[in-house]
Amino acid sequence: MIAAAFARHVPLATVARRHGALAHVGAPDRDVLQGLLAGTRWRMAPPGPYEDAVVRGEIPTREGSWHDAFNLATFARFPAAKAALHLRMHALRDPAAAGRRTPEQDALTLLDEAALVVAGPASALAVFERARDGGDVAAMDRAVRSGDLGVVCFGHALLEHLLLARPPIGAGVVPLPCEQRPLRDAIVDDALATAIAAGRFDRPRFSPTVPWPDTVVESWCVPLGSAAPSCHDGGAMSDELPRGPLRRRAFVLYEGTRTPHRSCGIALAEAFGRPTPAYQSLRRGGITGEGTCGAIVAGQLLLGELLGDPDPTGKVTPQLRAAMTRYLARVRDELDRGGVASTVCNDMTAPHGEFTGPARHQFCTKVVAQVAQLLDETLREHGVAIEAEPIALADGTRFDPARDDAER
């Protein structure tokens, strides 16, 4: 599943943080592809002579191609480096070469397609390089986490490789000295563009490679400026969200101590005042546990119900598109998944013992409550405010979520 791959692999999640719509399409259509370039100087173009087009500010793109979609995302994130790379390729063209490429053209192609850039102070890079020479991923991991290094997946074919679950390969590595702190995309972009323009990539020098896919290596590719998680971490580690009325209502409905328990999807649908039958199938990640957390999916469905076009033939409304992007980004960044990177139900709940046990139930109760808060805030940002109705409890009293806090 596309969404599951984006949740499972840190480099893909980093892309989705900026381009959330990518994680929720079967194949990237023209609207999604154009959205990747929003706010940039680049324009999409039909397939054709590539370097000529890029020099004009156009990127030849095939609709439905994940390879091309990740290429656009890289153009959007690192515009100066991509421009420098293709300008250099354009200058190196030799019509008399009859298709034969120079060593520099080979190197630039490998950089463009299959390289990780490891950026940071020269002293920290030296430690990383010693570990890489020895093929010691654990030592490289320590160097990344202790040496103030940032790692970016520049090669867009590497992202496609993760998404399509292709067999393991080696990813090339480019050590890039960057003394300026804090490390940000623009700093790496400028440094890499300068290196390309100066002819640093005169021949392929990307070995020794690092394993790809690999959970440790992938975990380095968090957004620059974020702390690299340990290879066992992922997702938010604490619940710092407010406790609004809709969150409180969803908490009581799922917890099931004062009123009969509802499954995650039904608790959220009922909390937001929507009919519940279709949400039955979200229980335990789509019944089997193999799907995305039912609470997260319920939030997506509720956004569709409340912000979508009621015309069944209508297109996605701009309001829904913006809200979905915002909601999914906040789920990735703020939902406490107990240190698990994945959003698959079985992955999230596994650390909490038997699915029918109290520890797992307590964990999922908190997840449902947090999703309700994220959804409520996202809806309000897009002009929809839902009133939290009181709940009739089993003992004949009423729980008023506007006044009572069930999570104390």
Protein backbone atom coordinates (compact mmCIF):
# COMPACT_ATOMS: atom_id res chain seq x y z
CA MET A 1 0.00 0.00 0.00
CA ILE A 2 1.24 3.47 -0.90
CA ALA A 3 0.20 5.09 2.40
CA ALA A 4 1.79 2.28 4.41
CA ALA A 5 5.09 2.68 2.55
CA PHE A 6 5.14 6.43 3.25
CA ALA A 7 4.52 5.71 6.92
CA ARG A 8 7.04 2.88 7.15
CA HIS A 9 10.07 4.54 5.52
CA VAL A 10 11.53 7.68 7.10
CA PRO A 11 12.81 9.17 3.78
CA LEU A 12 9.31 8.85 2.27
CA ALA A 13 7.74 10.33 5.39
CA THR A 14 10.11 13.27 5.06
CA VAL A 15 8.86 13.85 1.51
CA ALA A 16 5.24 13.49 2.62
CA ARG A 17 5.77 16.05 5.37
CA ARG A 18 6.10 18.65 2.62
CA HIS A 19 3.92 16.96 0.00
CA GLY A 20 1.22 15.12 1.94
CA ALA A 21 -0.96 14.41 -1.10
CA LEU A 22 1.68 12.03 -2.48
CA ALA A 23 1.06 9.54 0.31
CA HIS A 24 -2.58 9.08 -0.57
CA VAL A 25 -2.77 8.47 -4.30
CA GLY A 26 -2.58 5.27 -6.31
CA ALA A 27 -0.40 7.02 -8.87
CA PRO A 28 0.52 10.70 -9.09
CA ASP A 29 -1.83 12.44 -11.52
CA ARG A 30 -1.26 15.82 -13.12
CA ASP A 31 -2.85 17.80 -10.27
CA VAL A 32 -0.69 16.08 -7.67
CA LEU A 33 2.45 16.51 -9.76
CA GLN A 34 1.81 20.19 -10.32
CA GLY A 35 1.22 20.59 -6.60
CA LEU A 36 4.77 19.41 -5.93
CA LEU A 37 6.11 22.51 -7.68
CA ALA A 38 3.75 25.00 -6.01
CA GLY A 39 5.67 28.05 -4.82
CA THR A 40 8.78 27.23 -6.89
CA ARG A 41 10.14 28.68 -10.12
CA TRP A 42 9.86 25.33 -11.89
CA ARG A 43 7.16 24.30 -14.36
CA MET A 44 6.14 20.86 -15.58
CA ALA A 45 6.61 20.05 -19.25
CA PRO A 46 5.74 17.08 -21.46
CA PRO A 47 8.46 14.46 -21.97
CA GLY A 48 11.16 15.72 -24.33
CA PRO A 49 14.84 16.76 -24.47
CA TYR A 50 15.58 16.93 -20.77
CA GLU A 51 18.54 19.24 -20.21
CA ASP A 52 17.24 21.80 -22.73
CA ALA A 53 13.96 21.96 -20.83
CA VAL A 54 15.53 22.32 -17.38
CA VAL A 55 17.69 25.20 -18.59
CA ARG A 56 14.39 26.93 -19.49
CA GLY A 57 12.97 26.23 -16.02
CA GLU A 58 10.83 23.31 -17.19
CA ILE A 59 10.92 19.70 -15.99
CA PRO A 60 9.79 17.00 -18.45
CA THR A 61 7.43 14.77 -16.47
CA ARG A 62 5.39 11.63 -17.13
CA GLU A 63 1.98 11.56 -15.52
CA GLY A 64 1.55 8.55 -13.25
CA SER A 65 5.31 8.06 -12.78
CA TRP A 66 6.55 7.78 -9.20
CA HIS A 67 10.11 8.21 -10.44
CA ASP A 68 9.19 11.56 -11.95
CA ALA A 69 7.12 12.56 -8.92
CA PHE A 70 10.10 12.13 -6.59
CA ASN A 71 12.24 14.02 -9.10
CA LEU A 72 9.85 16.98 -8.88
CA ALA A 73 9.90 16.80 -5.09
CA THR A 74 13.70 16.97 -5.15
CA PHE A 75 13.60 19.96 -7.52
CA ALA A 76 11.27 21.67 -5.05
CA ARG A 77 13.47 20.91 -2.03
CA PHE A 78 16.90 21.53 -3.60
CA PRO A 79 16.32 23.91 -6.53
CA ALA A 80 19.85 25.33 -6.74
CA ALA A 81 21.59 21.93 -6.70
CA LYS A 82 19.23 20.43 -9.27
CA ALA A 83 19.64 23.46 -11.52
CA ALA A 84 23.43 23.32 -11.23
CA LEU A 85 23.46 19.59 -11.95
CA HIS A 86 21.43 19.83 -15.13
CA LEU A 87 23.16 23.01 -16.30
CA ARG A 88 26.44 21.13 -15.97
CA MET A 89 25.00 18.14 -17.85
CA HIS A 90 23.81 20.50 -20.57
CA ALA A 91 27.27 22.02 -20.92
CA LEU A 92 28.90 18.57 -21.13
CA ARG A 93 26.80 17.38 -24.05
CA ASP A 94 28.79 16.38 -27.09
CA PRO A 95 26.72 15.47 -30.17
CA ALA A 96 29.76 13.71 -31.63
CA ALA A 97 29.96 11.29 -28.67
CA ALA A 98 27.20 9.11 -30.15
CA GLY A 99 25.60 8.37 -26.78
CA ARG A 100 28.85 7.74 -24.89
CA ARG A 101 29.01 9.56 -21.57
CA THR A 102 32.02 11.10 -19.89
CA PRO A 103 33.03 10.07 -16.34
CA GLU A 104 31.62 13.38 -15.08
CA GLN A 105 28.27 12.71 -16.76
CA ASP A 106 28.22 9.26 -15.13
CA ALA A 107 28.96 10.81 -11.74
CA LEU A 108 26.26 13.47 -12.07
CA THR A 109 23.73 10.86 -13.15
CA LEU A 110 24.52 8.71 -10.10
CA LEU A 111 24.26 11.75 -7.84
CA ASP A 112 20.90 12.64 -9.34
CA GLU A 113 19.47 9.14 -9.09
CA ALA A 114 21.06 7.15 -6.28
CA ALA A 115 23.02 9.20 -3.74
CA LEU A 116 22.60 10.23 -0.13
CA VAL A 117 24.22 13.50 0.88
CA VAL A 118 25.80 13.54 4.34
CA ALA A 119 26.40 17.15 5.36
CA GLY A 120 28.05 18.72 8.35
CA PRO A 121 31.36 19.84 9.88
CA ALA A 122 34.51 18.39 8.35
CA SER A 123 35.57 16.85 11.67
CA ALA A 124 32.29 14.96 12.02
CA LEU A 125 32.41 13.87 8.38
CA ALA A 126 35.88 12.42 8.95
CA VAL A 127 34.51 10.19 11.73
CA PHE A 128 31.63 9.10 9.51
CA GLU A 129 33.96 8.37 6.59
CA ARG A 130 36.21 6.15 8.72
CA ALA A 131 33.16 4.13 9.72
CA ARG A 132 31.97 3.96 6.11
CA ASP A 133 35.37 2.72 4.92
CA GLY A 134 34.98 -0.14 7.38
CA GLY A 135 31.44 -0.92 6.29
CA ASP A 136 30.24 -0.51 9.89
CA VAL A 137 26.65 0.77 9.79
CA ALA A 138 26.44 0.92 13.59
CA ALA A 139 29.54 3.12 13.74
CA MET A 140 28.16 5.32 10.94
CA ASP A 141 24.92 5.60 12.90
CA ARG A 142 26.80 6.79 15.98
CA ALA A 143 28.67 9.32 13.86
CA VAL A 144 25.45 10.73 12.42
CA ARG A 145 23.82 11.06 15.84
CA SER A 146 26.79 12.41 17.75
CA GLY A 147 28.52 14.44 15.08
CA ASP A 148 25.91 17.06 14.17
CA LEU A 149 25.47 15.57 10.69
CA GLY A 150 22.44 15.84 8.44
CA VAL A 151 21.54 13.28 5.80
CA VAL A 152 19.31 13.90 2.79
CA CYS A 153 18.08 11.47 0.18
CA PHE A 154 19.04 13.47 -2.91
CA GLY A 155 18.78 10.61 -5.40
CA HIS A 156 15.12 10.40 -6.36
CA ALA A 157 15.42 6.82 -7.64
CA LEU A 158 16.22 5.76 -4.07
CA LEU A 159 12.81 7.04 -2.97
CA GLU A 160 11.10 5.17 -5.77
CA HIS A 161 13.03 2.06 -4.72
CA LEU A 162 11.56 2.25 -1.21
CA LEU A 163 8.02 2.90 -2.38
CA LEU A 164 7.94 0.02 -4.84
CA ALA A 165 9.69 -2.39 -2.43
CA ARG A 166 12.44 -3.30 -4.87
CA PRO A 167 15.31 -5.66 -3.93
CA PRO A 168 18.13 -4.29 -1.74
CA ILE A 169 20.86 -2.21 -3.40
CA GLY A 170 23.69 0.05 -2.28
CA ALA A 171 23.07 3.78 -1.99
CA GLY A 172 25.95 6.05 -2.96
CA VAL A 173 27.22 8.55 -0.40
CA VAL A 174 28.38 12.14 -0.89
CA PRO A 175 30.15 13.72 2.11
CA LEU A 176 29.46 17.47 1.91
CA PRO A 177 31.31 19.87 4.25
CA CYS A 178 28.89 22.43 5.74
CA GLU A 179 30.15 24.39 8.74
CA GLN A 180 27.14 26.71 8.98
CA ARG A 181 24.68 25.84 11.76
CA PRO A 182 21.88 25.09 12.20
CA LEU A 183 21.83 22.88 9.11
CA ARG A 184 18.89 23.61 6.81
CA ASP A 185 17.81 22.60 3.30
CA ALA A 186 18.92 25.92 1.82
CA ILE A 187 22.43 25.52 3.26
CA VAL A 188 22.85 22.03 1.83
CA ASP A 189 21.28 23.15 -1.45
CA ASP A 190 23.78 26.00 -1.87
CA ALA A 191 26.78 23.90 -0.83
CA LEU A 192 25.89 21.07 -3.20
CA ALA A 193 25.21 23.48 -6.07
CA THR A 194 28.61 25.09 -5.50
CA ALA A 195 30.35 21.71 -5.50
CA ILE A 196 28.64 20.67 -8.74
CA ALA A 197 29.45 23.94 -10.50
CA ALA A 198 33.08 23.66 -9.39
CA GLY A 199 33.41 20.29 -11.09
CA ARG A 200 33.82 18.23 -7.91
CA PHE A 201 31.93 15.31 -9.49
CA ASP A 202 34.45 14.73 -12.27
CA ARG A 203 34.10 10.95 -11.95
CA PRO A 204 32.01 8.52 -9.86
CA ARG A 205 33.19 8.46 -6.24
CA PHE A 206 30.23 7.21 -4.21
CA SER A 207 31.66 3.99 -2.73
CA PRO A 208 31.59 2.35 -0.30
CA THR A 209 27.83 2.38 -0.56
CA VAL A 210 25.41 1.91 2.33
CA PRO A 211 22.58 -0.66 2.36
CA TRP A 212 19.25 0.43 0.92
CA PRO A 213 16.66 -0.16 2.18
CA ASP A 214 17.89 -0.35 5.75
CA THR A 215 16.03 0.89 8.82
CA VAL A 216 19.13 2.39 10.41
CA VAL A 217 20.30 4.20 7.27
CA GLU A 218 16.78 5.37 6.47
CA SER A 219 16.37 6.77 9.99
CA TRP A 220 19.09 9.33 9.24
CA CYS A 221 16.91 10.98 6.57
CA VAL A 222 14.72 13.02 8.88
CA PRO A 223 14.04 16.67 7.91
CA LEU A 224 17.14 18.79 8.45
CA GLY A 225 17.04 20.48 11.80
CA SER A 226 15.25 17.53 13.42
CA ALA A 227 16.99 15.25 15.86
CA ALA A 228 17.81 11.94 14.22
CA PRO A 229 15.84 9.29 16.14
CA SER A 230 17.46 6.12 17.40
CA CYS A 231 17.02 3.20 15.05
CA HIS A 232 14.25 1.94 17.29
CA ASP A 233 12.36 5.22 17.53
CA GLY A 234 9.80 6.93 15.35
CA GLY A 235 6.85 9.20 15.74
CA ALA A 236 6.18 11.53 18.62
CA MET A 237 7.22 10.36 22.08
CA SER A 238 4.81 12.31 24.29
CA ASP A 239 1.28 13.65 24.18
CA GLU A 240 1.40 17.43 24.45
CA LEU A 241 -1.85 18.17 22.63
CA PRO A 242 -4.64 20.20 24.27
CA ARG A 243 -7.69 18.43 25.70
CA GLY A 244 -10.61 20.00 23.90
CA PRO A 245 -14.26 18.92 24.23
CA LEU A 246 -14.26 16.65 21.17
CA ARG A 247 -11.12 14.95 22.39
CA ARG A 248 -12.78 14.36 25.76
CA ARG A 249 -15.90 12.97 24.11
CA ALA A 250 -13.94 10.54 21.93
CA PHE A 251 -11.90 9.44 24.95
CA VAL A 252 -15.00 8.44 26.95
CA LEU A 253 -16.61 6.66 24.00
CA TYR A 254 -13.53 4.54 23.31
CA GLU A 255 -12.42 3.98 26.91
CA GLY A 256 -15.70 2.20 27.65
CA THR A 257 -15.72 2.38 31.47
CA ARG A 258 -18.69 4.70 31.90
CA THR A 259 -20.48 3.93 28.65
CA PRO A 260 -20.20 0.86 26.40
CA HIS A 261 -16.93 0.74 24.44
CA ARG A 262 -16.94 1.84 20.79
CA SER A 263 -14.21 0.82 18.36
CA CYS A 264 -11.78 3.53 17.29
CA GLY A 265 -13.51 4.54 14.06
CA ILE A 266 -16.98 4.48 15.57
CA ALA A 267 -15.86 6.47 18.63
CA LEU A 268 -14.53 9.22 16.37
CA ALA A 269 -17.51 9.23 14.01
CA GLU A 270 -19.90 9.44 16.98
CA ALA A 271 -17.79 12.12 18.68
CA PHE A 272 -18.06 14.28 15.55
CA GLY A 273 -21.78 13.59 15.08
CA ARG A 274 -21.60 11.42 11.96
CA PRO A 275 -23.37 8.11 11.13
CA THR A 276 -21.21 5.23 12.28
CA PRO A 277 -21.97 2.05 10.19
CA ALA A 278 -19.20 2.48 7.62
CA TYR A 279 -16.66 2.99 10.39
CA GLN A 280 -17.12 -0.60 11.62
CA SER A 281 -14.52 -1.77 9.12
CA LEU A 282 -11.81 0.40 10.71
CA ARG A 283 -11.70 -1.67 13.90
CA ARG A 284 -8.18 -2.98 14.46
CA GLY A 285 -6.66 -1.46 11.34
CA GLY A 286 -9.26 -2.76 8.91
CA ILE A 287 -10.18 -5.88 10.95
CA THR A 288 -6.90 -7.72 10.18
CA GLY A 289 -4.51 -5.35 11.93
CA GLU A 290 -2.52 -5.06 8.72
CA GLY A 291 -3.97 -1.71 7.66
CA THR A 292 -3.33 1.84 8.84
CA CYS A 293 -4.52 2.66 12.36
CA GLY A 294 -8.32 2.92 12.23
CA ALA A 295 -8.33 6.15 14.23
CA ILE A 296 -6.05 7.86 11.69
CA VAL A 297 -8.17 6.63 8.76
CA ALA A 298 -11.35 7.71 10.54
CA GLY A 299 -9.93 11.22 10.71
CA GLN A 300 -9.39 11.17 6.96
CA LEU A 301 -12.93 9.95 6.32
CA LEU A 302 -14.40 12.59 8.58
CA LEU A 303 -12.50 15.29 6.74
CA GLY A 304 -14.00 13.96 3.52
CA GLU A 305 -17.51 13.99 4.97
CA LEU A 306 -17.22 17.48 6.41
CA LEU A 307 -15.12 19.27 3.79
CA GLY A 308 -15.67 17.30 0.59
CA ASP A 309 -17.93 18.09 -2.35
CA PRO A 310 -21.36 16.53 -1.72
CA ASP A 311 -21.70 15.98 -5.47
CA PRO A 312 -20.49 12.39 -6.11
CA THR A 313 -19.07 13.53 -9.46
CA GLY A 314 -17.32 16.53 -7.96
CA LYS A 315 -13.57 17.06 -7.73
CA VAL A 316 -11.55 17.30 -4.53
CA THR A 317 -12.29 20.67 -2.99
CA PRO A 318 -9.32 22.95 -2.27
CA GLN A 319 -10.50 23.08 1.34
CA LEU A 320 -10.38 19.27 1.67
CA ARG A 321 -7.00 19.01 -0.02
CA ALA A 322 -5.45 21.61 2.26
CA ALA A 323 -7.03 20.13 5.39
CA MET A 324 -5.95 16.58 4.52
CA THR A 325 -2.38 17.70 3.96
CA ARG A 326 -2.39 19.54 7.27
CA TYR A 327 -4.00 16.67 9.21
CA LEU A 328 -1.63 13.99 7.92
CA ALA A 329 1.41 16.16 8.56
CA ARG A 330 0.31 16.69 12.15
CA VAL A 331 -0.40 12.98 12.60
CA ARG A 332 3.15 12.22 11.49
CA ASP A 333 4.72 14.89 13.65
CA GLU A 334 2.53 15.02 16.77
CA LEU A 335 0.60 11.78 17.29
CA ASP A 336 2.22 9.82 20.11
CA ARG A 337 2.83 6.40 18.56
CA GLY A 338 4.96 5.21 21.45
CA GLY A 339 8.22 5.37 19.53
CA VAL A 340 6.96 3.38 16.53
CA ALA A 341 7.58 4.94 13.09
CA SER A 342 4.84 2.97 11.35
CA THR A 343 1.15 3.86 11.40
CA VAL A 344 0.07 0.27 10.70
CA CYS A 345 -2.18 -1.01 13.48
CA ASN A 346 -0.20 -4.16 14.25
CA ASP A 347 3.08 -2.24 14.34
CA MET A 348 1.75 0.44 16.67
CA THR A 349 0.08 -1.95 19.10
CA ALA A 350 2.71 -4.73 19.18
CA PRO A 351 4.80 -3.14 21.99
CA HIS A 352 1.73 -3.14 24.25
CA GLY A 353 1.18 -6.89 24.53
CA GLU A 354 -1.97 -8.84 23.74
CA PHE A 355 -4.45 -6.90 21.65
CA THR A 356 -7.19 -7.74 24.15
CA GLY A 357 -5.02 -6.67 27.11
CA PRO A 358 -5.34 -3.51 29.21
CA ALA A 359 -2.03 -1.96 28.13
CA ARG A 360 -2.98 -2.03 24.45
CA HIS A 361 -6.46 -0.68 25.25
CA GLN A 362 -5.00 2.20 27.25
CA PHE A 363 -2.59 3.03 24.42
CA CYS A 364 -5.35 3.06 21.78
CA THR A 365 -7.62 5.14 24.01
CA LYS A 366 -4.96 7.84 24.04
CA VAL A 367 -4.47 7.54 20.25
CA VAL A 368 -8.20 8.02 19.62
CA ALA A 369 -8.27 11.05 21.91
CA GLN A 370 -5.25 12.64 20.22
CA VAL A 371 -6.65 12.03 16.73
CA ALA A 372 -9.89 13.71 17.81
CA GLN A 373 -7.93 16.77 18.94
CA LEU A 374 -5.88 16.94 15.75
CA LEU A 375 -9.02 16.56 13.66
CA ASP A 376 -10.93 19.20 15.63
CA GLU A 377 -8.11 21.71 15.25
CA THR A 378 -7.71 20.97 11.54
CA LEU A 379 -11.43 21.41 10.89
CA ARG A 380 -11.49 24.70 12.79
CA GLU A 381 -8.55 25.97 10.76
CA HIS A 382 -10.70 25.32 7.67
CA GLY A 383 -13.90 26.90 8.93
CA VAL A 384 -15.78 23.95 10.46
CA ALA A 385 -16.55 23.84 14.18
CA ILE A 386 -18.32 20.77 15.62
CA GLU A 387 -20.06 21.07 19.00
CA ALA A 388 -19.29 18.26 21.43
CA GLU A 389 -22.58 16.85 22.66
CA PRO A 390 -22.96 15.38 26.18
CA ILE A 391 -22.89 11.59 26.60
CA ALA A 392 -25.53 9.66 28.55
CA LEU A 393 -23.54 7.36 30.83
CA ALA A 394 -24.42 3.87 32.01
CA ASP A 395 -25.17 5.07 35.54
CA GLY A 396 -27.80 7.51 34.33
CA THR A 397 -25.63 10.62 34.62
CA ARG A 398 -24.32 12.76 31.78
CA PHE A 399 -20.75 13.51 30.80
CA ASP A 400 -20.44 17.04 29.47
CA PRO A 401 -17.20 17.28 27.43
CA ALA A 402 -17.38 21.07 27.46
CA ARG A 403 -16.97 21.02 31.23
CA ASP A 404 -15.63 17.61 32.36
CA ASP A 405 -12.15 16.22 31.66
CA ALA A 406 -12.12 12.42 31.50
CA GLU A 407 -8.33 12.18 31.19
CA ARG A 408 -7.44 13.58 34.59
